[in-house]
């Protein structure tokens, strides 16, 4: 079966030096365009990554600020809870006191703890 019958055509190589140079120029031009497209793509991706990193840094800073705020709030609440337990302990002590003097003393201590804030 000949090449003409199978539907395939044989590619002919350029015979003139000028034609060959033109083909080389076209190939180099395409490579150059491809290189710039590829370079532009990487620049775009790099810019997007920088944007994402900037946003993440802002979010981390915000989280740190919120954490510090919560930490100080927890400290304040912890101190208040300790004080409440001390007041309750004095009230329980007053309830279990055997004399009026001991009751009054325990309740005054409870008031002292409350007013110390």
Protein backbone atom coordinates (compact mmCIF):
# COMPACT_ATOMS: atom_id res chain seq x y z
CA UNK A 1 0.00 0.00 0.00
CA UNK A 2 1.48 3.35 -0.97
CA UNK A 3 1.52 6.43 1.26
CA UNK A 4 -0.96 8.18 -1.02
CA UNK A 5 -3.48 5.35 -0.68
CA UNK A 6 -3.32 5.17 3.13
CA UNK A 7 -4.23 8.85 3.41
CA UNK A 8 -0.96 9.95 4.93
CA UNK A 9 1.24 12.50 3.29
CA UNK A 10 4.92 12.57 3.71
CA UNK A 11 6.24 15.81 5.19
CA UNK A 12 8.75 17.51 3.01
CA UNK A 13 11.73 19.17 4.63
CA UNK A 14 12.61 22.66 3.47
CA UNK A 15 15.33 22.70 0.91
CA UNK A 16 16.28 26.37 1.00
CA UNK A 17 18.36 27.84 3.78
CA UNK A 18 15.96 30.79 4.09
CA UNK A 19 12.99 28.45 4.64
CA UNK A 20 14.90 26.57 7.32
CA UNK A 21 15.88 29.82 9.05
CA UNK A 22 12.26 30.98 8.96
CA UNK A 23 11.13 27.74 10.62
CA UNK A 24 13.84 28.10 13.28
CA UNK A 25 12.72 31.70 13.95
CA UNK A 26 9.08 30.61 14.27
CA UNK A 27 10.00 27.85 16.71
CA UNK A 28 12.15 30.23 18.77
CA UNK A 29 9.35 32.80 18.77
CA UNK A 30 6.85 30.21 20.01
CA UNK A 31 9.27 29.10 22.73
CA UNK A 32 9.76 32.72 23.75
CA UNK A 33 5.98 33.32 23.92
CA UNK A 34 5.49 30.11 25.88
CA UNK A 35 8.26 31.12 28.30
CA UNK A 36 6.63 34.51 28.94
CA UNK A 37 3.19 32.94 29.40
CA UNK A 38 4.69 30.47 31.86
CA UNK A 39 6.58 33.25 33.65
CA UNK A 40 3.41 35.38 33.87
CA UNK A 41 1.50 32.42 35.30
CA UNK A 42 4.12 31.92 38.02
CA UNK A 43 4.12 35.63 38.86
CA UNK A 44 0.33 35.52 39.20
CA UNK A 45 0.46 32.43 41.40
CA UNK A 46 3.20 34.01 43.53
CA UNK A 47 1.06 37.16 44.01
CA UNK A 48 -1.93 35.03 45.03
CA UNK A 49 0.21 33.14 47.54
CA UNK A 50 1.47 36.43 49.00
CA UNK A 51 -2.14 37.61 49.37
CA UNK A 52 -3.13 34.41 51.14
CA UNK A 53 -0.11 34.64 53.46
CA UNK A 54 -1.00 38.26 54.31
CA UNK A 55 -4.57 37.30 55.15
CA UNK A 56 -3.36 34.39 57.27
CA UNK A 57 -0.97 36.67 59.16
CA UNK A 58 -3.83 39.08 59.89
CA UNK A 59 -6.01 36.22 61.10
CA UNK A 60 -3.24 34.90 63.36
CA UNK A 61 -2.75 38.38 64.83
CA UNK A 62 -6.49 38.64 65.43
CA UNK A 63 -6.57 35.21 67.07
CA UNK A 64 -3.67 36.17 69.33
CA UNK A 65 -5.44 39.36 70.40
CA UNK A 66 -8.64 37.42 71.11
CA UNK A 67 -6.68 34.80 73.04
CA UNK A 68 -5.03 37.43 75.24
CA UNK A 69 -8.38 39.09 75.87
CA UNK A 70 -9.97 35.76 76.81
CA UNK A 71 -6.99 34.88 78.98
CA UNK A 72 -7.34 38.08 81.00
CA UNK A 73 -11.12 37.60 81.27
CA UNK A 74 -10.61 34.04 82.55
CA UNK A 75 -8.12 35.34 85.12
CA UNK A 76 -10.64 37.93 86.37
CA UNK A 77 -13.41 35.34 86.55
CA UNK A 78 -11.12 32.85 88.30
CA UNK A 79 -10.33 35.43 90.98
CA UNK A 80 -14.04 36.16 91.42
CA UNK A 81 -14.89 32.46 91.73
CA UNK A 82 -12.21 32.04 94.41
CA UNK A 83 -13.69 34.99 96.29
CA UNK A 84 -17.21 33.52 96.05
CA UNK A 85 -15.99 30.22 97.51
CA UNK A 86 -14.33 32.10 100.38
CA UNK A 87 -17.60 33.95 101.08
CA UNK A 88 -19.56 30.68 100.93
CA UNK A 89 -17.07 29.07 103.31
CA UNK A 90 -17.64 31.90 105.81
CA UNK A 91 -21.43 31.55 105.46
CA UNK A 92 -21.19 27.79 106.05
CA UNK A 93 -18.96 28.53 109.04
CA UNK A 94 -21.60 30.96 110.36
CA UNK A 95 -24.35 28.35 109.88
CA UNK A 96 -22.37 25.82 111.87
CA UNK A 97 -21.30 28.23 114.61
CA UNK A 98 -22.32 27.31 118.14
CA UNK A 99 -22.64 30.87 119.43
CA UNK A 100 -24.01 34.16 118.17
CA UNK A 101 -20.55 35.71 118.47
CA UNK A 102 -19.03 33.09 116.15
CA UNK A 103 -21.88 33.57 113.64
CA UNK A 104 -21.48 37.35 113.63
CA UNK A 105 -17.70 37.03 113.33
CA UNK A 106 -17.96 34.64 110.33
CA UNK A 107 -20.57 36.83 108.60
CA UNK A 108 -18.44 39.96 109.12
CA UNK A 109 -15.50 38.13 107.58
CA UNK A 110 -17.75 37.22 104.64
CA UNK A 111 -18.73 40.90 104.27
CA UNK A 112 -15.08 41.88 104.50
CA UNK A 113 -14.23 39.52 101.64
CA UNK A 114 -17.09 40.93 99.56
CA UNK A 115 -16.15 44.56 100.20
CA UNK A 116 -12.46 43.91 99.45
CA UNK A 117 -13.21 43.94 95.74
